[in-house]
Amino acid sequence: FVIAADKGWQAQSSDHRDAINALGIT
């Protein structure tokens, strides 16, 4: 999971987090 230091958490960060969570990738 990649986050840019100069931009911080953004909209698609949440979408991709939710996808990882939904897929059960631990």
PDB file of all heavy atoms in Angstrom:
ATOM      1  N   PHE A   1       0.848  -1.191   0.000  1.00  0.00           N
ATOM      2  CA  PHE A   1       0.000   0.000   0.000  1.00  0.00           C
ATOM      3  C   PHE A   1       0.888   1.247   0.000  1.00  0.00           C
ATOM      4  O   PHE A   1       1.745   1.411   0.874  1.00  0.00           O
ATOM      5  CB  PHE A   1      -0.891  -0.010   1.241  1.00  0.00           C
ATOM      6  CG  PHE A   1      -2.057   0.906   1.155  1.00  0.00           C
ATOM      7  CD1 PHE A   1      -3.297   0.455   0.735  1.00  0.00           C
ATOM      8  CD2 PHE A   1      -1.923   2.250   1.486  1.00  0.00           C
ATOM      9  CE1 PHE A   1      -4.378   1.312   0.649  1.00  0.00           C
ATOM     10  CE2 PHE A   1      -2.998   3.114   1.393  1.00  0.00           C
ATOM     11  CZ  PHE A   1      -4.233   2.640   0.974  1.00  0.00           C
ATOM     12  N   VAL A   2       0.662   2.129  -0.989  1.00  0.00           N
ATOM     13  CA  VAL A   2       1.542   3.275  -1.211  1.00  0.00           C
ATOM     14  C   VAL A   2       0.805   4.583  -0.924  1.00  0.00           C
ATOM     15  O   VAL A   2      -0.316   4.799  -1.400  1.00  0.00           O
ATOM     16  CB  VAL A   2       2.075   3.266  -2.661  1.00  0.00           C
ATOM     17  CG1 VAL A   2       2.923   4.504  -2.930  1.00  0.00           C
ATOM     18  CG2 VAL A   2       2.876   1.993  -2.922  1.00  0.00           C
ATOM     19  N   ILE A   3       1.462   5.459  -0.150  1.00  0.00           N
ATOM     20  CA  ILE A   3       0.937   6.795   0.160  1.00  0.00           C
ATOM     21  C   ILE A   3       2.072   7.800  -0.041  1.00  0.00           C
ATOM     22  O   ILE A   3       3.190   7.586   0.451  1.00  0.00           O
ATOM     23  CB  ILE A   3       0.442   6.900   1.620  1.00  0.00           C
ATOM     24  CG1 ILE A   3      -0.517   5.761   1.952  1.00  0.00           C
ATOM     25  CG2 ILE A   3      -0.225   8.244   1.870  1.00  0.00           C
ATOM     26  CD1 ILE A   3      -0.788   5.628   3.435  1.00  0.00           C
ATOM     27  N   ALA A   4       1.796   8.885  -0.745  1.00  0.00           N
ATOM     28  CA  ALA A   4       2.827   9.902  -0.986  1.00  0.00           C
ATOM     29  C   ALA A   4       2.913  10.851   0.203  1.00  0.00           C
ATOM     30  O   ALA A   4       1.890  11.349   0.691  1.00  0.00           O
ATOM     31  CB  ALA A   4       2.518  10.684  -2.249  1.00  0.00           C
ATOM     32  N   ALA A   5       4.136  11.081   0.665  1.00  0.00           N
ATOM     33  CA  ALA A   5       4.326  11.950   1.830  1.00  0.00           C
ATOM     34  C   ALA A   5       3.861  13.372   1.557  1.00  0.00           C
ATOM     35  O   ALA A   5       3.374  14.066   2.456  1.00  0.00           O
ATOM     36  CB  ALA A   5       5.804  11.949   2.235  1.00  0.00           C
ATOM     37  N   ASP A   6       4.006  13.840   0.311  1.00  0.00           N
ATOM     38  CA  ASP A   6       3.654  15.221  -0.001  1.00  0.00           C
ATOM     39  C   ASP A   6       2.165  15.403  -0.273  1.00  0.00           C
ATOM     40  O   ASP A   6       1.698  16.531  -0.457  1.00  0.00           O
ATOM     41  CB  ASP A   6       4.465  15.720  -1.196  1.00  0.00           C
ATOM     42  CG  ASP A   6       4.237  14.873  -2.437  1.00  0.00           C
ATOM     43  OD1 ASP A   6       3.982  13.654  -2.291  1.00  0.00           O
ATOM     44  OD2 ASP A   6       4.289  15.421  -3.557  1.00  0.00           O
ATOM     45  N   LYS A   7       1.386  14.299  -0.295  1.00  0.00           N
ATOM     46  CA  LYS A   7      -0.047  14.420  -0.575  1.00  0.00           C
ATOM     47  C   LYS A   7      -0.906  13.820   0.521  1.00  0.00           C
ATOM     48  O   LYS A   7      -2.076  14.200   0.685  1.00  0.00           O
ATOM     49  CB  LYS A   7      -0.380  13.754  -1.912  1.00  0.00           C
ATOM     50  CG  LYS A   7       0.297  14.448  -3.093  1.00  0.00           C
ATOM     51  CD  LYS A   7      -0.202  13.904  -4.420  1.00  0.00           C
ATOM     52  CE  LYS A   7       0.411  14.685  -5.572  1.00  0.00           C
ATOM     53  NZ  LYS A   7      -0.069  14.217  -6.896  1.00  0.00           N
ATOM     54  N   GLY A   8      -0.362  12.883   1.267  1.00  0.00           N
ATOM     55  CA  GLY A   8      -1.117  12.296   2.366  1.00  0.00           C
ATOM     56  C   GLY A   8      -2.253  11.399   1.894  1.00  0.00           C
ATOM     57  O   GLY A   8      -2.382  11.075   0.709  1.00  0.00           O
ATOM     58  N   TRP A   9      -3.062  10.999   2.846  1.00  0.00           N
ATOM     59  CA  TRP A   9      -4.198  10.106   2.558  1.00  0.00           C
ATOM     60  C   TRP A   9      -5.227  10.823   1.703  1.00  0.00           C
ATOM     61  O   TRP A   9      -5.630  11.940   2.014  1.00  0.00           O
ATOM     62  CB  TRP A   9      -4.827   9.652   3.867  1.00  0.00           C
ATOM     63  CG  TRP A   9      -5.775   8.500   3.695  1.00  0.00           C
ATOM     64  CD1 TRP A   9      -7.084   8.573   3.368  1.00  0.00           C
ATOM     65  CD2 TRP A   9      -5.475   7.115   3.838  1.00  0.00           C
ATOM     66  NE1 TRP A   9      -7.645   7.326   3.292  1.00  0.00           N
ATOM     67  CE2 TRP A   9      -6.674   6.396   3.581  1.00  0.00           C
ATOM     68  CE3 TRP A   9      -4.327   6.400   4.157  1.00  0.00           C
ATOM     69  CZ2 TRP A   9      -6.736   5.010   3.651  1.00  0.00           C
ATOM     70  CZ3 TRP A   9      -4.388   5.030   4.234  1.00  0.00           C
ATOM     71  CH2 TRP A   9      -5.587   4.341   3.962  1.00  0.00           C
ATOM     72  N   GLN A  10      -5.674  10.163   0.601  1.00  0.00           N
ATOM     73  CA  GLN A  10      -6.648  10.786  -0.282  1.00  0.00           C
ATOM     74  C   GLN A  10      -7.775   9.810  -0.631  1.00  0.00           C
ATOM     75  O   GLN A  10      -7.801   8.671  -0.141  1.00  0.00           O
ATOM     76  CB  GLN A  10      -5.948  11.301  -1.541  1.00  0.00           C
ATOM     77  CG  GLN A  10      -5.003  12.477  -1.246  1.00  0.00           C
ATOM     78  CD  GLN A  10      -4.445  13.106  -2.490  1.00  0.00           C
ATOM     79  OE1 GLN A  10      -3.830  12.433  -3.295  1.00  0.00           O
ATOM     80  NE2 GLN A  10      -4.655  14.412  -2.645  1.00  0.00           N
ATOM     81  N   ALA A  11      -8.672  10.287  -1.499  1.00  0.00           N
ATOM     82  CA  ALA A  11      -9.916   9.545  -1.752  1.00  0.00           C
ATOM     83  C   ALA A  11      -9.683   8.103  -2.180  1.00  0.00           C
ATOM     84  O   ALA A  11     -10.234   7.156  -1.605  1.00  0.00           O
ATOM     85  CB  ALA A  11     -10.747  10.280  -2.804  1.00  0.00           C
ATOM     86  N   GLN A  12      -8.831   7.904  -3.212  1.00  0.00           N
ATOM     87  CA  GLN A  12      -8.628   6.536  -3.683  1.00  0.00           C
ATOM     88  C   GLN A  12      -7.785   5.712  -2.716  1.00  0.00           C
ATOM     89  O   GLN A  12      -7.778   4.483  -2.798  1.00  0.00           O
ATOM     90  CB  GLN A  12      -7.992   6.528  -5.077  1.00  0.00           C
ATOM     91  CG  GLN A  12      -9.012   6.506  -6.208  1.00  0.00           C
ATOM     92  CD  GLN A  12      -9.907   7.745  -6.158  1.00  0.00           C
ATOM     93  OE1 GLN A  12      -9.416   8.857  -6.322  1.00  0.00           O
ATOM     94  NE2 GLN A  12     -11.184   7.550  -5.933  1.00  0.00           N
ATOM     95  N   SER A  13      -7.111   6.379  -1.789  1.00  0.00           N
ATOM     96  CA  SER A  13      -6.442   5.624  -0.723  1.00  0.00           C
ATOM     97  C   SER A  13      -7.492   4.828   0.046  1.00  0.00           C
ATOM     98  O   SER A  13      -7.299   3.645   0.355  1.00  0.00           O
ATOM     99  CB  SER A  13      -5.698   6.565   0.226  1.00  0.00           C
ATOM    100  OG  SER A  13      -4.717   7.327  -0.447  1.00  0.00           O
ATOM    101  N   SER A  14      -8.605   5.475   0.338  1.00  0.00           N
ATOM    102  CA  SER A  14      -9.682   4.789   1.062  1.00  0.00           C
ATOM    103  C   SER A  14     -10.296   3.682   0.220  1.00  0.00           C
ATOM    104  O   SER A  14     -10.596   2.590   0.721  1.00  0.00           O
ATOM    105  CB  SER A  14     -10.764   5.795   1.475  1.00  0.00           C
ATOM    106  OG  SER A  14     -10.255   6.742   2.384  1.00  0.00           O
ATOM    107  N   ASP A  15     -10.494   3.947  -1.085  1.00  0.00           N
ATOM    108  CA  ASP A  15     -11.079   2.920  -1.956  1.00  0.00           C
ATOM    109  C   ASP A  15     -10.185   1.682  -2.022  1.00  0.00           C
ATOM    110  O   ASP A  15     -10.666   0.544  -1.941  1.00  0.00           O
ATOM    111  CB  ASP A  15     -11.289   3.478  -3.370  1.00  0.00           C
ATOM    112  CG  ASP A  15     -12.347   4.561  -3.395  1.00  0.00           C
ATOM    113  OD1 ASP A  15     -13.187   4.591  -2.478  1.00  0.00           O
ATOM    114  OD2 ASP A  15     -12.331   5.383  -4.338  1.00  0.00           O
ATOM    115  N   HIS A  16      -8.886   1.894  -2.162  1.00  0.00           N
ATOM    116  CA  HIS A  16      -7.962   0.767  -2.259  1.00  0.00           C
ATOM    117  C   HIS A  16      -7.832   0.042  -0.925  1.00  0.00           C
ATOM    118  O   HIS A  16      -7.714  -1.185  -0.888  1.00  0.00           O
ATOM    119  CB  HIS A  16      -6.604   1.247  -2.758  1.00  0.00           C
ATOM    120  CG  HIS A  16      -6.603   1.620  -4.209  1.00  0.00           C
ATOM    121  ND1 HIS A  16      -5.511   1.463  -5.025  1.00  0.00           N
ATOM    122  CD2 HIS A  16      -7.576   2.141  -5.009  1.00  0.00           C
ATOM    123  CE1 HIS A  16      -5.813   1.872  -6.261  1.00  0.00           C
ATOM    124  NE2 HIS A  16      -7.058   2.302  -6.248  1.00  0.00           N
ATOM    125  N   ARG A  17      -7.849   0.799   0.177  1.00  0.00           N
ATOM    126  CA  ARG A  17      -7.863   0.167   1.505  1.00  0.00           C
ATOM    127  C   ARG A  17      -9.077  -0.733   1.654  1.00  0.00           C
ATOM    128  O   ARG A  17      -8.975  -1.874   2.121  1.00  0.00           O
ATOM    129  CB  ARG A  17      -7.893   1.243   2.593  1.00  0.00           C
ATOM    130  CG  ARG A  17      -8.115   0.698   4.000  1.00  0.00           C
ATOM    131  CD  ARG A  17      -8.726   1.753   4.895  1.00  0.00           C
ATOM    132  NE  ARG A  17     -10.012   2.227   4.392  1.00  0.00           N
ATOM    133  CZ  ARG A  17     -10.610   3.337   4.798  1.00  0.00           C
ATOM    134  NH1 ARG A  17     -10.026   4.116   5.690  1.00  0.00           N
ATOM    135  NH2 ARG A  17     -11.797   3.683   4.298  1.00  0.00           N
ATOM    136  N   ASP A  18     -10.247  -0.233   1.237  1.00  0.00           N
ATOM    137  CA  ASP A  18     -11.479  -1.022   1.361  1.00  0.00           C
ATOM    138  C   ASP A  18     -11.427  -2.275   0.485  1.00  0.00           C
ATOM    139  O   ASP A  18     -11.930  -3.334   0.865  1.00  0.00           O
ATOM    140  CB  ASP A  18     -12.687  -0.165   0.976  1.00  0.00           C
ATOM    141  CG  ASP A  18     -12.942   0.960   1.966  1.00  0.00           C
ATOM    142  OD1 ASP A  18     -12.379   0.904   3.077  1.00  0.00           O
ATOM    143  OD2 ASP A  18     -13.695   1.891   1.620  1.00  0.00           O
ATOM    144  N   ALA A  19     -10.813  -2.138  -0.683  1.00  0.00           N
ATOM    145  CA  ALA A  19     -10.697  -3.299  -1.561  1.00  0.00           C
ATOM    146  C   ALA A  19      -9.806  -4.366  -0.933  1.00  0.00           C
ATOM    147  O   ALA A  19     -10.129  -5.565  -0.948  1.00  0.00           O
ATOM    148  CB  ALA A  19     -10.145  -2.881  -2.916  1.00  0.00           C
ATOM    149  N   ILE A  20      -8.676  -3.960  -0.375  1.00  0.00           N
ATOM    150  CA  ILE A  20      -7.776  -4.902   0.294  1.00  0.00           C
ATOM    151  C   ILE A  20      -8.495  -5.571   1.459  1.00  0.00           C
ATOM    152  O   ILE A  20      -8.407  -6.791   1.662  1.00  0.00           O
ATOM    153  CB  ILE A  20      -6.507  -4.181   0.778  1.00  0.00           C
ATOM    154  CG1 ILE A  20      -5.665  -3.732  -0.418  1.00  0.00           C
ATOM    155  CG2 ILE A  20      -5.695  -5.065   1.716  1.00  0.00           C
ATOM    156  CD1 ILE A  20      -4.515  -2.815  -0.048  1.00  0.00           C
ATOM    157  N   ASN A  21      -9.215  -4.783   2.213  1.00  0.00           N
ATOM    158  CA  ASN A  21      -9.951  -5.309   3.363  1.00  0.00           C
ATOM    159  C   ASN A  21     -11.025  -6.294   2.908  1.00  0.00           C
ATOM    160  O   ASN A  21     -11.207  -7.371   3.496  1.00  0.00           O
ATOM    161  CB  ASN A  21     -10.577  -4.146   4.137  1.00  0.00           C
ATOM    162  CG  ASN A  21     -10.982  -4.530   5.542  1.00  0.00           C
ATOM    163  OD1 ASN A  21     -10.367  -5.400   6.156  1.00  0.00           O
ATOM    164  ND2 ASN A  21     -12.023  -3.904   6.043  1.00  0.00           N
ATOM    165  N   ALA A  22     -11.744  -5.938   1.839  1.00  0.00           N
ATOM    166  CA  ALA A  22     -12.800  -6.809   1.328  1.00  0.00           C
ATOM    167  C   ALA A  22     -12.241  -8.119   0.803  1.00  0.00           C
ATOM    168  O   ALA A  22     -12.876  -9.175   0.934  1.00  0.00           O
ATOM    169  CB  ALA A  22     -13.575  -6.090   0.220  1.00  0.00           C
ATOM    170  N   LEU A  23     -11.059  -8.077   0.213  1.00  0.00           N
ATOM    171  CA  LEU A  23     -10.438  -9.279  -0.335  1.00  0.00           C
ATOM    172  C   LEU A  23      -9.778 -10.137   0.738  1.00  0.00           C
ATOM    173  O   LEU A  23      -9.310 -11.240   0.455  1.00  0.00           O
ATOM    174  CB  LEU A  23      -9.408  -8.896  -1.402  1.00  0.00           C
ATOM    175  CG  LEU A  23     -10.000  -8.329  -2.698  1.00  0.00           C
ATOM    176  CD1 LEU A  23      -8.908  -7.698  -3.551  1.00  0.00           C
ATOM    177  CD2 LEU A  23     -10.728  -9.412  -3.479  1.00  0.00           C
ATOM    178  N   GLY A  24      -9.707  -9.605   1.958  1.00  0.00           N
ATOM    179  CA  GLY A  24      -9.141 -10.384   3.053  1.00  0.00           C
ATOM    180  C   GLY A  24      -7.641 -10.577   2.959  1.00  0.00           C
ATOM    181  O   GLY A  24      -7.103 -11.559   3.478  1.00  0.00           O
ATOM    182  N   ILE A  25      -6.935  -9.652   2.318  1.00  0.00           N
ATOM    183  CA  ILE A  25      -5.475  -9.756   2.184  1.00  0.00           C
ATOM    184  C   ILE A  25      -4.844  -9.345   3.513  1.00  0.00           C
ATOM    185  O   ILE A  25      -4.900  -8.179   3.899  1.00  0.00           O
ATOM    186  CB  ILE A  25      -4.953  -8.881   1.039  1.00  0.00           C
ATOM    187  CG1 ILE A  25      -5.573  -9.327  -0.288  1.00  0.00           C
ATOM    188  CG2 ILE A  25      -3.430  -8.947   0.966  1.00  0.00           C
ATOM    189  CD1 ILE A  25      -5.215  -8.445  -1.467  1.00  0.00           C
ATOM    190  N   THR A  26      -4.251 -10.284   4.201  1.00  0.00           N
ATOM    191  CA  THR A  26      -3.716 -10.023   5.537  1.00  0.00           C
ATOM    192  C   THR A  26      -2.211  -9.801   5.551  1.00  0.00           C
ATOM    193  O   THR A  26      -1.669  -9.352   6.566  1.00  0.00           O
ATOM    194  CB  THR A  26      -4.043 -11.200   6.470  1.00  0.00           C
ATOM    195  OG1 THR A  26      -3.513 -12.406   5.909  1.00  0.00           O
ATOM    196  CG2 THR A  26      -5.546 -11.351   6.659  1.00  0.00           C
TER     197      THR A  26
END
